[in-house]
Amino acid sequence: MLSMTIKQRLLGLGALVLFSLLSIGGIGIYQMVEINNDLENISTNWLPSVEKSMKLRISLRDYRLGTFSHTMADTVDEMTRREDRLVNFRKVVAEDIAAYEKLVSSDEERKMFDAFLKAYDVYNAKIEDV
């Protein structure tokens, strides 16, 4: 039977505690690196996408309101002035679409964006009829 001295037992226990602390520290560092990677992805991909999509949403709202305003025009001069505004709104929307398209990063997001573009093209075709 092996008998260990108190010194050997304390050294073994100290080594076990040290190994446990190093393991916990290593796991913690690994998890912090993962968190940092996620935060970097959020700040460089998600937030700019959200910002550009909100700007696009506002531009589309202005375009829709401009279209409504155009249909409510009473005089030819007023209608012409509002048509000029519509051209400007359409230009801003096109710029916002181009800015957002650069930030599309996943296949799912690409599918949704393509569906939006199709719907927007249909909307523009209907606007031309008005």
Foldseek 3Di string as FASTA:
>chain_A
DDDDDPVVVVVVVVVVVVVVVVVVVVVVVVVVVVVVVVVVCCVPAVVVLVVLVVQLVVLVVVLVVLLVQLVVDDDPVSNVVSVVVNVVSVVSNVVSLVSNVVRDDDPVSVVVSVVVVVVVVVVVVVSVVD
